[in-house]
Amino acid sequence: MRQSLPRGVHGALIALITLLTTALAAGCSLAGDDPGRTEAGTAGRQGTVKRPAPAWDTRPASLAALGDSITRGFDACGILTDCPDVSWATGSRRSVESIATRVLDRPAAHSWNLASSGARMRDLPAQAQKAVDLRPEQVTILMGANDACTRSTDLMTPVAEYRKDFSTALSTLTRALPKTQVFVASVPDLMRLWDVGRQNVLGRQIWKLGLCPSMLSDAQSMSTAARERRLNVRERVMAYNDALRQECARHARCRYDGGMVFDYRFTQKELSPWDWFHPSAEGQAKLAGLVYAAAFGPGATG
């Protein structure tokens, strides 16, 4: 979900955070919490024949994580830096309890974080090819926030393009690795992240430097135009998630989270203290718990 910031803004961002943090340390506190389709074969004229879904392995031997800055742990441990140690998917930090540490016997040797901060869905097919080379038994995918986080809503990735690139990536995985399982997490609700983060004075100042402007610019404005812009972004994210659900349903060994990540109401403590938008270490831990319960917890077999 990391955005490409304007030239020279990294140094300004660090200086601004230092200045504002010092100024606010005397007493400013954070505000409280707020407010398929499976392709069926046909048997002559006898109608549609549905094949039973293959058993879902809750103890795969290896895992590859695909995605963007959320999966890289961006801004979870420091300013403008990846922190894969706290990644919800492959992180090694004990407090996070990542998917890899929960399901793999040797997570350090048998898990790979192939995500890239700033990636969009158009980058997923290349990540999928890298996963094919590693031959994991499990793949996780969380991708799409950057497709909606653009300079203006006109620049958001069209849903048809998003769907096409996702379908290509899934086909790359399933054709080369027909026994590999794929778990797809929904794109988070960016409007929820705006609604929580805007309650923080420092967060609003950081956002002015160019973080997800389609959603976060003019953070305090409640004008008709600002509200319509945010709703436009939210509707696009919902359309992305619908495409994820539909395309995943076309593959027997793909599972979608049912909108679980989108529906989750992140709190302030679960957002990065450096940008009030990406998940913090606590937010990464929450993601890990949500995905584990959906993909590998009780009732996930079958």
Protein backbone atom coordinates (compact mmCIF):
# COMPACT_ATOMS: atom_id res chain seq x y z
CA MET A 1 0.00 0.00 0.00
CA ARG A 2 3.07 2.23 0.04
CA GLN A 3 2.75 5.27 -2.23
CA SER A 4 5.43 6.88 -4.40
CA LEU A 5 5.98 10.20 -2.62
CA PRO A 6 7.15 13.39 -4.37
CA ARG A 7 10.92 13.85 -4.86
CA GLY A 8 12.72 15.02 -1.75
CA VAL A 9 9.78 14.33 0.50
CA HIS A 10 11.45 11.49 2.48
CA GLY A 11 13.76 13.87 4.34
CA ALA A 12 10.99 16.37 4.87
CA LEU A 13 8.73 13.62 6.18
CA ILE A 14 11.25 12.45 8.75
CA ALA A 15 11.92 16.03 9.86
CA LEU A 16 8.21 16.77 10.12
CA ILE A 17 7.51 13.65 12.13
CA THR A 18 10.35 14.47 14.53
CA LEU A 19 9.16 18.07 14.96
CA LEU A 20 5.50 17.24 15.42
CA THR A 21 6.16 14.28 17.68
CA THR A 22 8.25 16.49 19.97
CA ALA A 23 5.59 19.18 19.98
CA LEU A 24 2.80 16.75 20.72
CA ALA A 25 4.65 14.70 23.31
CA ALA A 26 3.75 17.15 26.07
CA GLY A 27 0.20 15.97 26.25
CA CYS A 28 -1.54 15.40 22.95
CA SER A 29 -3.07 11.92 22.98
CA LEU A 30 -4.62 9.84 20.28
CA ALA A 31 -8.37 9.97 19.92
CA GLY A 32 -10.27 6.86 20.90
CA ASP A 33 -11.80 4.34 18.56
CA ASP A 34 -14.66 5.58 16.41
CA PRO A 35 -17.25 5.49 15.22
CA GLY A 36 -18.33 -18.19 -7.25
CA ARG A 37 -18.32 -19.38 -9.68
CA THR A 38 -16.60 -22.82 -10.19
CA GLU A 39 -16.37 -23.86 -13.80
CA ALA A 40 -18.27 -27.10 -14.11
CA GLY A 41 -17.74 -29.83 -16.62
CA THR A 42 -20.61 -31.12 -18.65
CA ALA A 43 -21.52 -34.72 -19.28
CA GLY A 44 -23.12 -34.78 -22.70
CA ARG A 45 -26.74 -33.82 -22.32
CA GLN A 46 -27.00 -34.90 -18.72
CA GLY A 47 -26.43 -31.38 -17.39
CA THR A 48 -23.80 -29.90 -15.12
CA VAL A 49 -21.62 -32.15 -13.00
CA LYS A 50 -20.00 -30.52 -9.97
CA ARG A 51 -16.74 -31.91 -8.74
CA PRO A 52 -16.14 -32.03 -4.98
CA ALA A 53 -13.64 -29.45 -3.77
CA PRO A 54 -10.26 -30.95 -2.87
CA ALA A 55 -9.39 -31.22 0.80
CA TRP A 56 -7.77 -28.09 2.23
CA ASP A 57 -4.47 -28.74 3.97
CA THR A 58 -4.21 -26.77 7.21
CA ARG A 59 -0.56 -27.76 7.67
CA PRO A 60 1.22 -26.95 4.40
CA ALA A 61 4.98 -27.48 4.37
CA SER A 62 5.90 -24.15 2.73
CA LEU A 63 4.41 -20.73 2.07
CA ALA A 64 4.97 -17.80 -0.30
CA ALA A 65 3.35 -14.43 0.38
CA LEU A 66 2.47 -12.13 -2.51
CA GLY A 67 1.29 -8.55 -2.22
CA ASP A 68 2.25 -4.97 -1.45
CA SER A 69 3.51 -2.90 1.48
CA ILE A 70 1.00 -4.37 3.91
CA THR A 71 2.61 -7.79 3.54
CA ARG A 72 6.08 -6.19 3.68
CA GLY A 73 5.28 -4.58 7.05
CA PHE A 74 5.95 -1.08 5.69
CA ASP A 75 6.06 1.64 8.38
CA ALA A 76 5.34 -0.92 11.11
CA CYS A 77 8.79 -0.65 12.73
CA GLY A 78 10.29 2.59 11.43
CA ILE A 79 9.84 5.56 9.13
CA LEU A 80 9.53 4.78 5.41
CA THR A 81 10.99 1.31 5.70
CA ASP A 82 9.83 -2.27 5.22
CA CYS A 83 9.71 -4.45 8.31
CA PRO A 84 9.10 -8.01 7.10
CA ASP A 85 9.88 -9.34 10.59
CA VAL A 86 6.36 -8.26 11.58
CA SER A 87 4.59 -9.28 8.37
CA TRP A 88 1.23 -10.91 9.04
CA ALA A 89 2.13 -13.59 6.48
CA THR A 90 5.78 -14.49 7.03
CA GLY A 91 7.04 -12.41 9.98
CA SER A 92 9.31 -13.98 12.57
CA ARG A 93 8.50 -11.73 15.53
CA ARG A 94 6.83 -13.75 18.26
CA SER A 95 4.31 -11.04 19.15
CA VAL A 96 2.85 -11.13 15.64
CA GLU A 97 2.36 -14.90 15.31
CA SER A 98 2.42 -14.78 11.52
CA ILE A 99 0.77 -17.38 9.32
CA ALA A 100 4.16 -18.95 8.60
CA THR A 101 5.03 -19.38 12.28
CA ARG A 102 1.62 -20.85 13.02
CA VAL A 103 1.44 -23.47 10.26
CA LEU A 104 5.00 -24.34 9.21
CA ASP A 105 7.42 -26.59 11.05
CA ARG A 106 10.41 -24.60 9.77
CA PRO A 107 9.10 -21.13 8.87
CA ALA A 108 12.50 -19.46 8.44
CA ALA A 109 13.56 -22.00 5.83
CA HIS A 110 10.24 -22.66 4.15
CA SER A 111 8.53 -19.27 3.81
CA TRP A 112 9.20 -16.45 1.37
CA ASN A 113 7.93 -12.88 1.35
CA LEU A 114 7.71 -11.95 -2.34
CA ALA A 115 5.56 -8.86 -1.80
CA SER A 116 6.82 -5.42 -2.82
CA SER A 117 5.95 -2.05 -1.32
CA GLY A 118 4.18 0.09 -3.87
CA ALA A 119 3.04 -2.89 -5.94
CA ARG A 120 -0.25 -2.88 -7.82
CA MET A 121 -2.27 -5.75 -9.21
CA ARG A 122 -0.40 -5.43 -12.50
CA ASP A 123 2.70 -6.60 -10.59
CA LEU A 124 1.06 -9.76 -9.24
CA PRO A 125 1.69 -11.99 -12.28
CA ALA A 126 5.46 -11.44 -11.93
CA GLN A 127 5.28 -12.22 -8.21
CA ALA A 128 3.32 -15.36 -9.02
CA GLN A 129 6.05 -16.49 -11.40
CA LYS A 130 8.63 -16.04 -8.64
CA ALA A 131 6.45 -18.20 -6.41
CA VAL A 132 6.28 -20.89 -9.09
CA ASP A 133 10.07 -21.10 -9.06
CA LEU A 134 9.99 -21.78 -5.29
CA ARG A 135 7.16 -24.35 -5.50
CA PRO A 136 5.39 -23.54 -2.21
CA GLU A 137 2.47 -25.62 -0.99
CA GLN A 138 0.61 -22.48 0.14
CA VAL A 139 0.38 -19.00 -1.39
CA THR A 140 -1.23 -15.97 0.24
CA ILE A 141 -2.29 -12.88 -1.71
CA LEU A 142 -3.20 -9.42 -0.39
CA MET A 143 -3.07 -6.86 -3.20
CA GLY A 144 -5.06 -3.87 -4.40
CA ALA A 145 -4.83 -0.86 -2.08
CA ASN A 146 -2.35 0.90 -4.38
CA ASP A 147 -4.73 0.44 -7.31
CA ALA A 148 -7.18 2.69 -5.48
CA CYS A 149 -4.60 4.95 -3.77
CA THR A 150 -3.83 7.30 -6.65
CA ARG A 151 -3.41 11.05 -7.18
CA SER A 152 -7.03 11.28 -8.27
CA THR A 153 -9.96 8.91 -8.62
CA ASP A 154 -9.63 9.11 -12.41
CA LEU A 155 -6.30 7.29 -12.11
CA MET A 156 -7.56 4.30 -10.15
CA THR A 157 -6.99 0.97 -11.90
CA PRO A 158 -10.07 0.02 -13.94
CA VAL A 159 -11.83 -3.02 -12.52
CA ALA A 160 -11.47 -4.93 -15.80
CA GLU A 161 -7.68 -4.49 -15.77
CA TYR A 162 -7.51 -5.42 -12.10
CA ARG A 163 -9.50 -8.59 -12.76
CA LYS A 164 -7.41 -9.53 -15.79
CA ASP A 165 -4.09 -9.24 -13.94
CA PHE A 166 -5.42 -11.18 -10.96
CA SER A 167 -6.77 -13.91 -13.23
CA THR A 168 -3.42 -14.12 -15.02
CA ALA A 169 -1.57 -14.50 -11.72
CA LEU A 170 -3.94 -17.24 -10.52
CA SER A 171 -3.61 -19.11 -13.80
CA THR A 172 0.19 -18.89 -13.55
CA LEU A 173 0.05 -20.48 -10.12
CA THR A 174 -2.55 -23.15 -10.76
CA ARG A 175 -1.15 -24.35 -14.07
CA ALA A 176 2.41 -24.69 -12.83
CA LEU A 177 1.51 -25.77 -9.29
CA PRO A 178 -1.83 -27.60 -9.51
CA LYS A 179 -1.59 -28.91 -5.93
CA THR A 180 -0.67 -25.55 -4.37
CA GLN A 181 -3.34 -23.83 -2.27
CA VAL A 182 -4.04 -20.10 -2.69
CA PHE A 183 -5.65 -17.95 -0.01
CA VAL A 184 -6.80 -14.49 -1.12
CA ALA A 185 -7.40 -11.71 1.41
CA SER A 186 -9.74 -8.84 0.55
CA VAL A 187 -8.47 -5.27 0.12
CA PRO A 188 -8.91 -3.28 3.37
CA ASP A 189 -11.60 -0.62 3.66
CA LEU A 190 -9.56 2.54 2.94
CA MET A 191 -12.41 4.74 4.13
CA ARG A 192 -12.24 3.10 7.54
CA LEU A 193 -8.50 3.81 7.69
CA TRP A 194 -9.18 7.47 6.80
CA ASP A 195 -11.90 7.74 9.42
CA VAL A 196 -9.64 6.43 12.17
CA GLY A 197 -6.40 8.13 11.16
CA ARG A 198 -7.91 11.59 10.64
CA GLN A 199 -8.55 11.83 14.36
CA ASN A 200 -4.82 12.25 14.90
CA VAL A 201 -3.23 15.68 14.37
CA LEU A 202 0.15 14.30 13.38
CA GLY A 203 -1.42 11.80 11.00
CA ARG A 204 -3.29 14.53 9.14
CA GLN A 205 -0.04 16.47 8.66
CA ILE A 206 1.75 13.40 7.30
CA TRP A 207 -1.04 12.73 4.86
CA LYS A 208 -0.56 16.19 3.32
CA LEU A 209 2.77 14.97 1.92
CA GLY A 210 1.00 12.76 -0.59
CA LEU A 211 -0.10 9.49 1.04
CA CYS A 212 -3.08 7.94 -0.79
CA PRO A 213 -4.46 11.31 -1.95
CA SER A 214 -7.53 9.79 -3.59
CA MET A 215 -8.78 8.95 -0.08
CA LEU A 216 -6.72 11.00 2.36
CA SER A 217 -6.38 14.47 0.82
CA ASP A 218 -8.38 17.23 2.58
CA ALA A 219 -8.83 14.78 5.42
CA GLN A 220 -11.07 17.02 7.51
CA SER A 221 -13.26 18.23 4.66
CA MET A 222 -16.88 17.12 4.72
CA SER A 223 -17.82 18.91 1.53
CA THR A 224 -20.02 17.13 -0.96
CA ALA A 225 -17.09 16.76 -3.37
CA ALA A 226 -14.79 15.29 -0.68
CA ARG A 227 -17.39 12.81 0.50
CA GLU A 228 -18.21 11.72 -3.04
CA ARG A 229 -14.50 11.26 -3.78
CA ARG A 230 -14.04 9.00 -0.76
CA LEU A 231 -17.17 7.01 -1.59
CA ASN A 232 -15.88 6.58 -5.13
CA VAL A 233 -12.66 5.07 -3.78
CA ARG A 234 -14.56 2.81 -1.40
CA GLU A 235 -16.84 1.58 -4.17
CA ARG A 236 -13.82 0.82 -6.35
CA VAL A 237 -12.25 -1.22 -3.54
CA MET A 238 -15.51 -3.13 -3.15
CA ALA A 239 -15.51 -3.83 -6.89
CA TYR A 240 -11.93 -5.09 -6.64
CA ASN A 241 -12.95 -7.44 -3.86
CA ASP A 242 -15.86 -8.73 -5.90
CA ALA A 243 -13.44 -9.50 -8.74
CA LEU A 244 -11.15 -11.34 -6.31
CA ARG A 245 -14.07 -13.44 -5.09
CA GLN A 246 -15.32 -14.31 -8.54
CA GLU A 247 -11.94 -15.17 -10.04
CA CYS A 248 -10.84 -17.18 -7.02
CA ALA A 249 -14.05 -19.24 -7.25
CA ARG A 250 -12.95 -20.42 -10.70
CA HIS A 251 -10.08 -22.40 -9.19
CA ALA A 252 -10.63 -25.46 -7.00
CA ARG A 253 -7.65 -24.77 -4.72
CA CYS A 254 -8.30 -21.06 -4.21
CA ARG A 255 -10.11 -19.62 -1.23
CA TYR A 256 -11.25 -16.02 -0.66
CA ASP A 257 -11.68 -14.54 2.80
CA GLY A 258 -15.29 -13.54 2.20
CA GLY A 259 -14.50 -9.87 2.77
CA MET A 260 -13.07 -10.48 6.23
CA VAL A 261 -10.16 -8.03 5.95
CA PHE A 262 -12.34 -5.39 4.29
CA ASP A 263 -14.90 -5.70 7.09
CA TYR A 264 -12.38 -5.49 9.93
CA ARG A 265 -12.53 -2.18 11.81
CA PHE A 266 -8.91 -1.25 12.48
CA THR A 267 -8.31 0.85 15.58
CA GLN A 268 -5.76 3.64 16.04
CA LYS A 269 -3.32 1.43 17.91
CA GLU A 270 -3.42 -0.95 14.94
CA LEU A 271 -2.24 1.77 12.54
CA SER A 272 1.38 2.83 12.02
CA PRO A 273 2.54 5.60 14.39
CA TRP A 274 4.52 6.98 11.44
CA ASP A 275 1.78 7.34 8.83
CA TRP A 276 -1.55 6.42 10.52
CA PHE A 277 -2.52 4.37 7.49
CA HIS A 278 -0.47 1.16 7.18
CA PRO A 279 -0.91 -1.51 9.86
CA SER A 280 1.28 -1.17 12.94
CA ALA A 281 2.92 -4.24 14.49
CA GLU A 282 -0.33 -4.71 16.42
CA GLY A 283 -2.30 -4.34 13.21
CA GLN A 284 -0.11 -6.96 11.55
CA ALA A 285 -0.78 -9.32 14.45
CA LYS A 286 -4.50 -8.74 14.06
CA LEU A 287 -4.30 -9.51 10.33
CA ALA A 288 -2.38 -12.69 11.06
CA GLY A 289 -5.06 -13.83 13.49
CA LEU A 290 -7.91 -13.03 11.12
CA VAL A 291 -6.37 -14.82 8.15
CA TYR A 292 -5.27 -17.81 10.20
CA ALA A 293 -8.78 -18.29 11.57
CA ALA A 294 -10.30 -18.09 8.09
CA ALA A 295 -7.73 -20.20 6.26
CA PHE A 296 -6.36 -22.67 8.78
CA GLY A 297 -8.43 -22.55 11.95
CA PRO A 298 -11.23 -24.88 13.10
CA GLY A 299 -13.65 -25.51 10.27
CA ALA A 300 -11.15 -24.56 7.56
CA THR A 301 -10.67 -28.15 6.37
CA GLY A 302 -12.65 -29.79 3.62
